[in-house]
Amino acid sequence: MELVCYIYGLFIDVPSITDYWITARLNTEFKGHASIWYTEMKEIHGRRNWPWWKSQIIQKYSNGTWIWQNTMSFENDKYSVDKDPYEWCLR
């Protein structure tokens, strides 16, 4: 959802930005599994406009499983006094 908010920010700052520039930037914004997902989707569906990509991103990453996994990851990420705080902060 960060990416969607970032794109909305672009529209506020530069209202004349085109779908081409938004979709061209997607490849650099996605990391890890999201990058693989984006590459596969682009190979399967070809060039699409921003509204199509937006709906695909929301469909992929705004479901209960994804939200639950991130919530659990956040909840399990506790600092332990036995560990070095420097390493924990820089992960």
N, C-alpha and C. Protein backbone atom coordinates (compact mmCIF):
# COMPACT_ATOMS: atom_id res chain seq x y z
N MET A 1 0.82 -1.19 0.00
CA MET A 1 0.00 0.00 0.00
C MET A 1 0.86 1.26 0.00
N GLU A 2 2.12 1.15 0.43
CA GLU A 2 3.02 2.29 0.39
C GLU A 2 3.16 2.79 -1.03
N LEU A 3 3.27 1.86 -1.97
CA LEU A 3 3.44 2.24 -3.36
C LEU A 3 2.23 3.01 -3.86
N VAL A 4 1.03 2.55 -3.51
CA VAL A 4 -0.19 3.23 -3.95
C VAL A 4 -0.21 4.65 -3.38
N CYS A 5 0.16 4.81 -2.11
CA CYS A 5 0.21 6.15 -1.51
C CYS A 5 1.26 7.00 -2.20
N TYR A 6 2.39 6.41 -2.55
CA TYR A 6 3.45 7.13 -3.26
C TYR A 6 2.93 7.64 -4.61
N ILE A 7 2.21 6.78 -5.32
CA ILE A 7 1.68 7.17 -6.63
C ILE A 7 0.67 8.31 -6.47
N TYR A 8 -0.20 8.22 -5.45
CA TYR A 8 -1.14 9.32 -5.22
C TYR A 8 -0.38 10.62 -4.96
N GLY A 9 0.73 10.54 -4.23
CA GLY A 9 1.55 11.72 -3.99
C GLY A 9 2.09 12.30 -5.28
N LEU A 10 2.44 11.44 -6.22
CA LEU A 10 2.91 11.92 -7.52
C LEU A 10 1.82 12.71 -8.23
N PHE A 11 0.59 12.21 -8.17
CA PHE A 11 -0.50 12.91 -8.83
C PHE A 11 -0.76 14.27 -8.21
N ILE A 12 -0.59 14.37 -6.91
CA ILE A 12 -0.79 15.66 -6.25
C ILE A 12 0.31 16.63 -6.65
N ASP A 13 1.56 16.14 -6.66
CA ASP A 13 2.69 16.99 -7.01
C ASP A 13 2.75 17.32 -8.50
N VAL A 14 2.48 16.32 -9.33
CA VAL A 14 2.58 16.50 -10.78
C VAL A 14 1.30 15.95 -11.41
N PRO A 15 0.27 16.79 -11.54
CA PRO A 15 -1.01 16.27 -12.03
C PRO A 15 -0.98 15.78 -13.47
N SER A 16 0.01 16.18 -14.25
CA SER A 16 0.04 15.78 -15.65
C SER A 16 0.82 14.49 -15.90
N ILE A 17 1.22 13.79 -14.83
CA ILE A 17 2.01 12.56 -15.00
C ILE A 17 1.15 11.51 -15.70
N THR A 18 1.78 10.76 -16.59
CA THR A 18 1.04 9.79 -17.39
C THR A 18 1.18 8.38 -16.82
N ASP A 19 0.32 7.49 -17.29
CA ASP A 19 0.38 6.09 -16.89
C ASP A 19 1.73 5.48 -17.23
N TYR A 20 2.30 5.90 -18.34
CA TYR A 20 3.59 5.35 -18.76
C TYR A 20 4.66 5.56 -17.69
N TRP A 21 4.73 6.76 -17.13
CA TRP A 21 5.76 7.06 -16.13
C TRP A 21 5.51 6.32 -14.82
N ILE A 22 4.26 6.16 -14.48
CA ILE A 22 3.93 5.43 -13.25
C ILE A 22 4.30 3.96 -13.41
N THR A 23 3.85 3.34 -14.49
CA THR A 23 4.11 1.91 -14.67
C THR A 23 5.59 1.64 -14.93
N ALA A 24 6.31 2.58 -15.51
CA ALA A 24 7.75 2.41 -15.72
C ALA A 24 8.48 2.38 -14.38
N ARG A 25 7.96 3.08 -13.40
CA ARG A 25 8.60 3.15 -12.08
C ARG A 25 8.31 1.91 -11.23
N LEU A 26 7.27 1.17 -11.54
CA LEU A 26 6.89 0.02 -10.71
C LEU A 26 8.02 -0.99 -10.57
N ASN A 27 8.74 -1.25 -11.64
CA ASN A 27 9.81 -2.24 -11.59
C ASN A 27 10.88 -1.90 -10.56
N THR A 28 11.17 -0.62 -10.38
CA THR A 28 12.19 -0.23 -9.41
C THR A 28 11.64 -0.16 -7.99
N GLU A 29 10.34 -0.04 -7.84
CA GLU A 29 9.74 0.08 -6.51
C GLU A 29 9.56 -1.27 -5.82
N PHE A 30 9.31 -2.32 -6.59
CA PHE A 30 9.08 -3.64 -6.00
C PHE A 30 10.40 -4.31 -5.66
N LYS A 31 10.42 -4.99 -4.52
CA LYS A 31 11.61 -5.70 -4.06
C LYS A 31 11.22 -7.14 -3.71
N GLY A 32 12.17 -8.06 -3.81
CA GLY A 32 11.96 -9.44 -3.38
C GLY A 32 10.85 -10.15 -4.14
N HIS A 33 9.93 -10.76 -3.38
CA HIS A 33 8.82 -11.51 -3.98
C HIS A 33 7.91 -10.61 -4.81
N ALA A 34 7.75 -9.37 -4.38
CA ALA A 34 6.91 -8.44 -5.13
C ALA A 34 7.50 -8.17 -6.51
N SER A 35 8.81 -8.10 -6.60
CA SER A 35 9.47 -7.89 -7.89
C SER A 35 9.26 -9.08 -8.82
N ILE A 36 9.37 -10.28 -8.25
CA ILE A 36 9.12 -11.49 -9.04
C ILE A 36 7.67 -11.52 -9.52
N TRP A 37 6.74 -11.21 -8.61
CA TRP A 37 5.32 -11.18 -8.96
C TRP A 37 5.07 -10.18 -10.08
N TYR A 38 5.65 -8.98 -9.96
CA TYR A 38 5.45 -7.94 -10.98
C TYR A 38 5.99 -8.40 -12.34
N THR A 39 7.18 -8.99 -12.34
CA THR A 39 7.79 -9.44 -13.59
C THR A 39 6.93 -10.51 -14.26
N GLU A 40 6.43 -11.46 -13.46
CA GLU A 40 5.58 -12.51 -14.02
C GLU A 40 4.27 -11.94 -14.57
N MET A 41 3.67 -11.02 -13.81
CA MET A 41 2.42 -10.40 -14.27
C MET A 41 2.64 -9.62 -15.57
N LYS A 42 3.76 -8.93 -15.65
CA LYS A 42 4.05 -8.15 -16.85
C LYS A 42 4.27 -9.07 -18.05
N GLU A 43 4.93 -10.22 -17.84
CA GLU A 43 5.13 -11.18 -18.93
C GLU A 43 3.81 -11.78 -19.39
N ILE A 44 2.92 -12.07 -18.46
CA ILE A 44 1.64 -12.69 -18.80
C ILE A 44 0.69 -11.70 -19.46
N HIS A 45 0.56 -10.50 -18.87
CA HIS A 45 -0.46 -9.55 -19.31
C HIS A 45 0.06 -8.42 -20.19
N GLY A 46 1.36 -8.29 -20.31
CA GLY A 46 1.92 -7.22 -21.14
C GLY A 46 1.78 -5.85 -20.49
N ARG A 47 1.87 -4.83 -21.32
CA ARG A 47 1.77 -3.45 -20.82
C ARG A 47 0.34 -3.13 -20.45
N ARG A 48 0.15 -2.64 -19.25
CA ARG A 48 -1.18 -2.24 -18.77
C ARG A 48 -1.08 -0.85 -18.18
N ASN A 49 -2.24 -0.22 -18.03
CA ASN A 49 -2.27 1.13 -17.47
C ASN A 49 -2.26 1.09 -15.94
N TRP A 50 -2.12 2.27 -15.33
CA TRP A 50 -2.03 2.35 -13.88
C TRP A 50 -3.28 1.84 -13.16
N PRO A 51 -4.51 2.16 -13.59
CA PRO A 51 -5.68 1.62 -12.88
C PRO A 51 -5.69 0.09 -12.83
N TRP A 52 -5.25 -0.56 -13.90
CA TRP A 52 -5.19 -2.02 -13.90
C TRP A 52 -4.16 -2.51 -12.88
N TRP A 53 -2.97 -1.92 -12.88
CA TRP A 53 -1.93 -2.32 -11.92
C TRP A 53 -2.36 -2.04 -10.49
N LYS A 54 -3.02 -0.92 -10.29
CA LYS A 54 -3.49 -0.58 -8.94
C LYS A 54 -4.44 -1.66 -8.42
N SER A 55 -5.38 -2.09 -9.27
CA SER A 55 -6.33 -3.12 -8.83
C SER A 55 -5.61 -4.44 -8.57
N GLN A 56 -4.60 -4.77 -9.37
CA GLN A 56 -3.84 -6.01 -9.16
C GLN A 56 -3.04 -5.96 -7.86
N ILE A 57 -2.43 -4.81 -7.56
CA ILE A 57 -1.67 -4.65 -6.32
C ILE A 57 -2.58 -4.79 -5.12
N ILE A 58 -3.74 -4.14 -5.17
CA ILE A 58 -4.69 -4.21 -4.06
C ILE A 58 -5.21 -5.64 -3.90
N GLN A 59 -5.51 -6.29 -5.01
CA GLN A 59 -5.99 -7.68 -4.95
C GLN A 59 -4.93 -8.60 -4.36
N LYS A 60 -3.67 -8.40 -4.72
CA LYS A 60 -2.59 -9.26 -4.25
C LYS A 60 -2.22 -8.99 -2.80
N TYR A 61 -2.15 -7.72 -2.41
CA TYR A 61 -1.59 -7.37 -1.11
C TYR A 61 -2.57 -6.82 -0.09
N SER A 62 -3.83 -6.75 -0.41
CA SER A 62 -4.81 -6.27 0.57
C SER A 62 -5.78 -7.36 0.96
N ASN A 63 -5.27 -8.57 1.11
CA ASN A 63 -6.15 -9.65 1.54
C ASN A 63 -5.82 -10.01 2.99
N GLY A 64 -6.68 -10.76 3.60
CA GLY A 64 -6.54 -11.10 5.01
C GLY A 64 -5.26 -11.84 5.35
N THR A 65 -4.85 -12.76 4.48
CA THR A 65 -3.64 -13.54 4.74
C THR A 65 -2.41 -12.65 4.78
N TRP A 66 -2.27 -11.79 3.80
CA TRP A 66 -1.11 -10.91 3.75
C TRP A 66 -1.07 -9.97 4.95
N ILE A 67 -2.22 -9.41 5.29
CA ILE A 67 -2.29 -8.50 6.43
C ILE A 67 -1.97 -9.26 7.72
N TRP A 68 -2.50 -10.47 7.87
CA TRP A 68 -2.24 -11.28 9.07
C TRP A 68 -0.75 -11.62 9.18
N GLN A 69 -0.12 -12.02 8.07
CA GLN A 69 1.30 -12.37 8.09
C GLN A 69 2.14 -11.17 8.51
N ASN A 70 1.84 -10.01 7.99
CA ASN A 70 2.60 -8.82 8.37
C ASN A 70 2.34 -8.42 9.82
N THR A 71 1.12 -8.58 10.28
CA THR A 71 0.81 -8.27 11.68
C THR A 71 1.56 -9.22 12.60
N MET A 72 1.56 -10.51 12.28
CA MET A 72 2.27 -11.48 13.10
C MET A 72 3.78 -11.22 13.08
N SER A 73 4.30 -10.88 11.93
CA SER A 73 5.73 -10.56 11.82
C SER A 73 6.07 -9.37 12.70
N PHE A 74 5.23 -8.37 12.69
CA PHE A 74 5.44 -7.19 13.52
C PHE A 74 5.33 -7.55 15.00
N GLU A 75 4.33 -8.33 15.36
CA GLU A 75 4.13 -8.71 16.76
C GLU A 75 5.28 -9.58 17.28
N ASN A 76 5.83 -10.44 16.45
CA ASN A 76 6.92 -11.33 16.86
C ASN A 76 8.28 -10.64 16.88
N ASP A 77 8.35 -9.47 16.32
CA ASP A 77 9.62 -8.74 16.25
C ASP A 77 9.82 -7.95 17.54
N LYS A 78 10.27 -8.64 18.56
CA LYS A 78 10.48 -8.02 19.87
C LYS A 78 11.97 -7.88 20.14
N TYR A 79 12.31 -6.82 20.80
CA TYR A 79 13.71 -6.62 21.19
C TYR A 79 13.99 -7.41 22.46
N SER A 80 15.13 -8.07 22.48
CA SER A 80 15.56 -8.82 23.65
C SER A 80 16.79 -8.13 24.24
N VAL A 81 16.81 -7.97 25.56
CA VAL A 81 17.94 -7.31 26.21
C VAL A 81 19.21 -8.14 26.11
N ASP A 82 19.08 -9.41 25.78
CA ASP A 82 20.25 -10.28 25.62
C ASP A 82 20.99 -10.02 24.31
N LYS A 83 20.32 -9.34 23.38
CA LYS A 83 20.91 -9.12 22.06
C LYS A 83 21.42 -7.68 21.94
N ASP A 84 22.22 -7.48 20.93
CA ASP A 84 22.80 -6.17 20.67
C ASP A 84 21.73 -5.25 20.05
N PRO A 85 21.43 -4.11 20.66
CA PRO A 85 20.40 -3.22 20.12
C PRO A 85 20.77 -2.65 18.75
N TYR A 86 22.06 -2.48 18.51
CA TYR A 86 22.52 -1.94 17.23
C TYR A 86 22.10 -2.86 16.08
N GLU A 87 22.32 -4.15 16.23
CA GLU A 87 21.95 -5.11 15.19
C GLU A 87 20.43 -5.17 15.02
N TRP A 88 19.69 -5.12 16.12
CA TRP A 88 18.22 -5.18 16.05
C TRP A 88 17.67 -3.97 15.30
N CYS A 89 18.23 -2.80 15.56
CA CYS A 89 17.74 -1.57 14.92
C CYS A 89 18.06 -1.53 13.43
N LEU A 90 19.14 -2.14 13.03
CA LEU A 90 19.57 -2.07 11.63
C LEU A 90 19.09 -3.22 10.77
N ARG A 91 18.26 -4.10 11.30
CA ARG A 91 17.75 -5.21 10.50
C ARG A 91 16.79 -4.70 9.47
